[in-house]
Protein backbone atom coordinates (compact mmCIF):
# COMPACT_ATOMS: atom_id res chain seq x y z
CA CYS A 1 2.76 24.44 -3.34
CA LEU A 2 1.60 20.98 -2.24
CA LYS A 3 4.33 18.59 -1.09
CA ALA A 4 4.33 15.69 -3.54
CA ALA A 5 3.53 12.22 -2.23
CA LYS A 6 5.82 9.25 -2.50
CA GLU A 7 5.92 5.72 -1.18
CA HIS A 8 9.02 4.66 0.74
CA SER A 9 10.26 1.14 0.13
CA ILE A 10 11.41 -1.10 2.95
CA PRO A 11 15.10 -1.94 2.39
CA GLU A 12 15.86 -5.63 1.94
CA ASN A 13 18.53 -5.43 4.62
CA VAL A 14 16.51 -4.18 7.57
CA ASN A 15 19.53 -4.49 9.86
CA LYS A 16 21.06 -1.49 8.12
CA ILE A 17 18.09 0.65 9.20
CA LEU A 18 18.93 -0.02 12.84
CA GLU A 19 22.71 0.38 12.63
CA ASN A 20 24.11 2.73 15.29
CA LYS A 21 20.63 3.55 16.56
CA VAL A 22 19.97 4.08 20.26
CA MET A 23 16.55 2.66 21.14
CA GLU A 24 14.30 3.49 24.05
CA THR A 25 11.03 1.98 25.26
CA VAL A 26 7.73 3.57 26.14
CA SER A 27 4.35 1.90 26.63
CA ASP A 28 6.18 -1.36 25.87
CA LEU A 29 7.16 -0.09 22.42
CA TYR A 30 10.59 0.49 20.93
CA TYR A 31 11.37 3.91 19.50
CA ILE A 32 14.51 5.63 18.32
CA ASN A 33 16.14 8.18 20.58
CA ILE A 34 15.05 11.43 18.93
CA SER A 35 18.14 13.45 19.90
CA GLY A 36 20.37 10.85 18.29
CA ALA A 37 18.28 10.86 15.13
CA GLU A 38 18.43 14.65 14.98
CA MET A 39 22.23 14.59 15.33
CA THR A 40 22.42 12.12 12.43
CA CYS A 41 20.24 14.46 10.37
CA LEU A 42 22.44 17.45 11.20
CA ASP A 43 25.43 15.43 9.98
CA GLY A 44 23.98 15.39 6.48
CA ALA A 45 21.38 12.61 6.54
CA ASP A 46 18.46 15.01 6.06
CA GLU A 47 17.85 15.88 2.41
CA GLU A 48 14.92 18.13 3.34
CA GLY A 49 17.02 20.09 5.84
CA ILE A 50 14.12 20.16 8.31
CA VAL A 51 16.23 19.59 11.41
CA SER A 52 18.61 22.47 10.75
CA GLN A 53 15.67 24.75 9.92
CA SER A 54 13.84 23.68 13.07
CA VAL A 55 16.94 24.33 15.19
CA SER A 56 17.70 27.71 13.60
CA SER A 57 14.10 28.93 13.90
CA HIS A 58 13.65 27.49 17.44
CA SER A 59 10.36 25.99 16.28
CA ASP A 60 8.76 22.55 16.21
CA LEU A 61 6.49 23.67 13.35
CA ILE A 62 7.39 25.44 10.14
CA PRO A 63 4.20 25.44 8.02
CA GLY A 64 4.70 23.83 4.64
CA ILE A 65 8.26 22.80 5.51
CA TYR A 66 8.31 20.82 8.76
CA GLU A 67 5.16 19.68 10.55
CA GLY A 68 6.46 18.38 13.88
CA GLY A 69 7.04 14.71 13.05
CA LEU A 70 10.37 14.44 14.86
CA LYS A 71 8.68 14.81 18.26
CA ILE A 72 6.37 12.39 20.02
CA TRP A 73 3.49 14.59 21.15
CA GLU A 74 1.58 13.81 24.34
CA CYS A 75 -1.79 13.08 22.72
CA THR A 76 -0.22 10.00 21.13
CA PHE A 77 -0.08 8.41 24.56
CA ASP A 78 -3.65 9.53 25.34
CA LEU A 79 -4.82 7.63 22.28
CA ILE A 80 -2.75 4.53 23.10
CA ASP A 81 -4.30 4.51 26.58
CA TYR A 82 -7.76 4.88 25.06
CA PHE A 83 -7.27 1.85 22.79
CA SER A 84 -6.80 -0.27 25.89
CA GLU A 85 -9.59 1.34 27.94
CA ALA A 86 -12.15 1.13 25.13
CA GLU A 87 -10.89 -2.29 23.96
CA ILE A 88 -10.50 -1.09 20.37
CA GLN A 89 -10.05 -4.14 18.15
CA PHE A 90 -7.47 -4.02 15.34
CA THR A 91 -7.59 -7.72 14.41
CA ASN A 92 -7.82 -8.14 10.62
CA LYS A 93 -8.41 -4.39 10.13
CA THR A 94 -6.77 -2.11 7.59
CA VAL A 95 -5.35 0.86 9.48
CA LEU A 96 -3.85 4.24 8.52
CA ASP A 97 -1.63 6.18 10.94
CA LEU A 98 -2.14 9.68 9.49
CA GLY A 99 0.48 12.29 10.40
CA CYS A 100 2.30 9.39 12.01
CA GLY A 101 5.59 10.92 13.19
CA ALA A 102 7.21 8.16 15.24
CA GLY A 103 4.48 5.76 14.11
CA LEU A 104 3.61 4.48 17.57
CA LEU A 105 -0.15 4.42 16.89
CA GLY A 106 0.30 2.29 13.80
CA ILE A 107 2.75 0.03 15.63
CA VAL A 108 0.15 -0.54 18.37
CA ALA A 109 -2.32 -1.52 15.62
CA LEU A 110 0.26 -3.94 14.19
CA ARG A 111 0.71 -5.54 17.58
CA GLY A 112 -3.08 -5.77 17.75
CA LYS A 113 -2.99 -8.09 14.70
CA ALA A 114 -4.11 -5.57 12.10
CA GLU A 115 -4.11 -6.99 8.58
CA LYS A 116 -2.45 -3.92 7.03
CA VAL A 117 -1.00 -0.74 8.53
CA HIS A 118 -0.01 2.26 6.45
CA PHE A 119 2.01 5.17 7.83
CA GLN A 120 1.92 8.75 6.49
CA ASP A 121 3.90 11.81 7.48
CA TYR A 122 4.38 15.15 5.74
CA ASN A 123 8.18 14.86 5.76
CA SER A 124 10.15 12.15 4.00
CA THR A 125 12.98 12.61 6.52
CA VAL A 126 10.59 11.62 9.33
CA ILE A 127 9.52 8.45 7.50
CA ASP A 128 13.09 7.38 6.65
CA LYS A 129 14.85 8.32 9.89
CA ILE A 130 12.13 7.80 12.52
CA THR A 131 8.99 5.91 11.41
CA LEU A 132 10.58 3.12 9.37
CA PRO A 133 13.27 2.30 11.96
CA ASN A 134 10.65 2.27 14.73
CA ALA A 135 8.44 -0.11 12.77
CA VAL A 136 11.39 -2.37 11.97
CA ALA A 137 12.55 -2.45 15.60
CA ASN A 138 9.11 -3.41 16.85
CA CYS A 139 8.47 -5.93 14.07
CA ILE A 140 11.78 -7.71 14.67
CA SER A 141 11.00 -7.91 18.36
CA GLU A 142 7.42 -9.00 17.72
CA GLY A 143 8.58 -11.71 15.36
CA SER A 144 11.06 -13.09 17.91
CA GLY A 145 8.46 -13.38 20.65
CA ASP A 146 10.32 -11.04 22.97
CA ASN A 147 8.21 -9.96 25.96
CA ARG A 148 9.41 -6.47 26.73
CA LYS A 149 8.94 -4.49 29.92
CA THR A 150 8.87 -0.71 30.15
CA SER A 151 11.37 -0.85 33.01
CA LYS A 152 14.14 -2.08 30.71
CA PRO A 153 16.96 0.40 30.02
CA PRO A 154 17.40 1.76 26.48
CA LEU A 155 18.54 -0.91 24.05
CA LYS A 156 21.69 0.50 22.46
CA ARG A 157 22.32 -2.37 20.08
CA PRO A 158 19.13 -3.56 18.41
CA LYS A 159 19.07 -7.27 17.70
CA LYS A 160 19.66 -8.37 14.13
CA ALA A 161 16.96 -9.78 11.89
CA GLU A 162 17.83 -12.74 9.68
CA TYR A 163 14.87 -11.88 7.42
CA VAL A 164 12.06 -9.38 7.14
CA PRO A 165 9.43 -10.70 9.56
CA ASP A 166 6.00 -11.35 8.10
CA VAL A 167 4.53 -8.58 10.25
CA LEU A 168 6.66 -5.96 8.48
CA THR A 169 5.23 -7.01 5.10
CA LYS A 170 1.87 -5.66 6.32
CA CYS A 171 3.30 -2.12 6.32
CA ARG A 172 3.50 0.63 3.71
CA PHE A 173 5.06 4.07 4.25
CA PHE A 174 4.16 7.35 2.58
CA SER A 175 5.31 10.96 2.79
CA GLY A 176 3.74 14.09 1.37
CA GLU A 177 0.77 16.38 1.83
CA TRP A 178 -2.52 14.65 2.68
CA SER A 179 -4.40 15.31 -0.54
CA GLU A 180 -1.37 14.23 -2.57
CA VAL A 181 -1.09 10.98 -0.61
CA SER A 182 -4.82 10.33 -1.12
CA GLN A 183 -4.43 10.81 -4.85
CA LEU A 184 -1.40 8.50 -4.92
CA LEU A 185 -3.30 5.73 -3.10
CA LEU A 186 -6.52 6.05 -5.06
CA SER A 187 -4.83 6.17 -8.48
CA SER A 188 -2.18 3.51 -7.79
CA ASN A 189 -1.89 0.28 -9.74
CA LYS A 190 -1.33 -1.52 -6.44
CA PRO A 191 -4.46 -3.01 -4.85
CA PHE A 192 -5.96 -0.56 -2.36
CA SER A 193 -8.88 -0.99 0.00
CA LYS A 194 -10.17 1.85 2.13
CA TYR A 195 -9.28 1.90 5.80
CA ASP A 196 -11.36 0.36 8.56
CA ILE A 197 -9.60 2.59 11.10
CA ILE A 198 -7.73 5.89 10.68
CA LEU A 199 -5.65 7.05 13.65
CA THR A 200 -4.40 10.60 13.94
CA SER A 201 -2.92 12.59 16.81
CA GLU A 202 -2.25 16.34 17.13
CA THR A 203 -2.96 17.02 13.45
CA ILE A 204 -5.63 19.73 13.93
CA TYR A 205 -3.41 22.47 15.39
CA ASN A 206 -3.72 24.63 12.25
CA PRO A 207 -7.22 25.53 10.95
CA ASP A 208 -5.71 26.12 7.50
CA TYR A 209 -5.31 22.34 7.18
CA TYR A 210 -8.85 21.37 8.18
CA SER A 211 -10.24 21.13 4.67
CA ALA A 212 -7.40 18.90 3.43
CA LEU A 213 -7.64 16.67 6.52
CA HIS A 214 -11.42 16.37 6.33
CA ASP A 215 -11.35 15.53 2.62
CA THR A 216 -8.59 12.96 3.12
CA LEU A 217 -10.58 11.22 5.85
CA ALA A 218 -13.70 11.26 3.65
CA GLN A 219 -11.82 9.81 0.66
CA LEU A 220 -9.85 7.09 2.46
CA LEU A 221 -12.16 5.84 5.22
CA ASP A 222 -14.31 2.79 4.55
CA LYS A 223 -18.07 3.40 4.69
CA LYS A 224 -18.28 1.56 8.01
CA GLY A 225 -14.91 2.78 9.25
CA ARG A 226 -13.94 4.83 12.29
CA VAL A 227 -11.51 7.68 12.83
CA TYR A 228 -9.87 8.10 16.25
CA LEU A 229 -8.45 11.60 16.62
CA ALA A 230 -6.51 12.91 19.63
CA SER A 231 -6.04 16.63 20.17
CA LYS A 232 -5.54 19.42 22.64
CA VAL A 233 -8.63 21.51 23.28
CA HIS A 234 -6.76 24.57 21.99
CA TYR A 235 -3.39 25.14 20.33
CA PHE A 236 -2.10 28.48 21.50
CA GLY A 237 -0.29 30.43 18.81
CA VAL A 238 -1.69 28.50 15.85
CA GLY A 239 -5.38 28.72 16.70
CA GLY A 240 -6.65 25.19 16.13
CA GLY A 241 -8.32 22.84 18.58
CA ILE A 242 -10.85 20.08 19.06
CA TYR A 243 -14.02 22.19 19.27
CA LEU A 244 -13.06 24.29 16.25
CA PHE A 245 -12.49 21.12 14.21
CA GLU A 246 -15.72 19.63 15.52
CA LYS A 247 -17.62 22.73 14.35
CA PHE A 248 -15.87 22.58 10.96
CA THR A 249 -16.85 18.91 10.60
CA GLU A 250 -20.48 19.57 11.56
CA GLU A 251 -20.72 22.26 8.88
CA ARG A 252 -19.43 19.82 6.25
CA ASN A 253 -22.19 17.37 7.26
CA VAL A 254 -20.26 14.25 6.18
CA PHE A 255 -19.20 12.80 9.53
CA ARG A 256 -20.82 12.45 12.91
CA THR A 257 -18.44 13.14 15.76
CA ASN A 258 -18.34 12.05 19.37
CA ILE A 259 -15.88 13.20 22.02
CA VAL A 260 -15.31 9.93 23.84
CA LYS A 261 -12.73 11.04 26.39
CA ILE A 262 -11.54 14.27 28.03
CA ILE A 263 -8.14 14.38 29.76
CA ASP A 264 -7.77 17.17 32.32
CA LYS A 265 -4.11 16.74 33.29
CA GLY A 266 -2.10 19.76 32.17
CA LEU A 267 -3.52 21.29 29.00
CA GLN A 268 -6.98 19.83 28.46
CA ARG A 269 -7.00 17.18 25.74
CA CYS A 270 -9.66 15.08 24.02
CA ILE A 271 -10.22 11.94 22.01
CA MET A 272 -12.79 12.17 19.23
CA GLU A 273 -14.41 9.31 17.32
CA MET A 274 -15.68 10.02 13.80
CA ALA A 275 -17.85 7.96 11.46
CA PHE A 276 -19.82 8.66 8.30
CA LYS A 277 -23.30 9.98 9.02
CA ASP A 278 -24.89 7.40 6.75
CA SER A 279 -22.91 4.45 8.16
């Protein structure tokens, strides 16, 4: 059973999204305190019931139910570091943060002057309770010209926005399974142009999802576009990993792949760049 796709609207009153939220900073970005968000969900703000199921099963992944979007996984920060090292340019680009979770990759693209940034996560709860508030918090700050430092303590009372900043109007938010989201975008009455850049982190842990991920990238990436994928070399217990996905991609013969960075701290991790073979 494929999880249906839907687009999440941005509420007119963005202040309400940030009410009673405890914010933290990392890599100069605002993000919602995850424990606080989980407590809110356990108090009845989670229609999908993913938090209670995650707690009761002692698992960060429940295939087909909850796909880990409430955590910020370490490869996210590997990819953010790589953007800076490789001087990846987002200016005037259309960007998709695929399997976005907290949405930090897409928010970095927004701060890099991307023209449009779309966020996708499997779970609607993640989009509503984590991704959207994070985007709003960073857009409000960006619009006010606030120069943040990572050394600042958590911001317990987010500042209020008098209006939706222009930067937030560049964003769209989607939940649902990848192939369903692709179909929604490609068949929509709203104008849609394929993405110049697709960002995705820790989405290849389960080999069962490789076909859907590969096809989504092939359908949504612009002919001259690039995918930047961050992953652990191997995911113990679920069987996926960077070299297995690389082999899968080679057999499909649609993309050329290049491992552009290897991180050896802790569990070995990699950054892969993908582009169409005929680009």
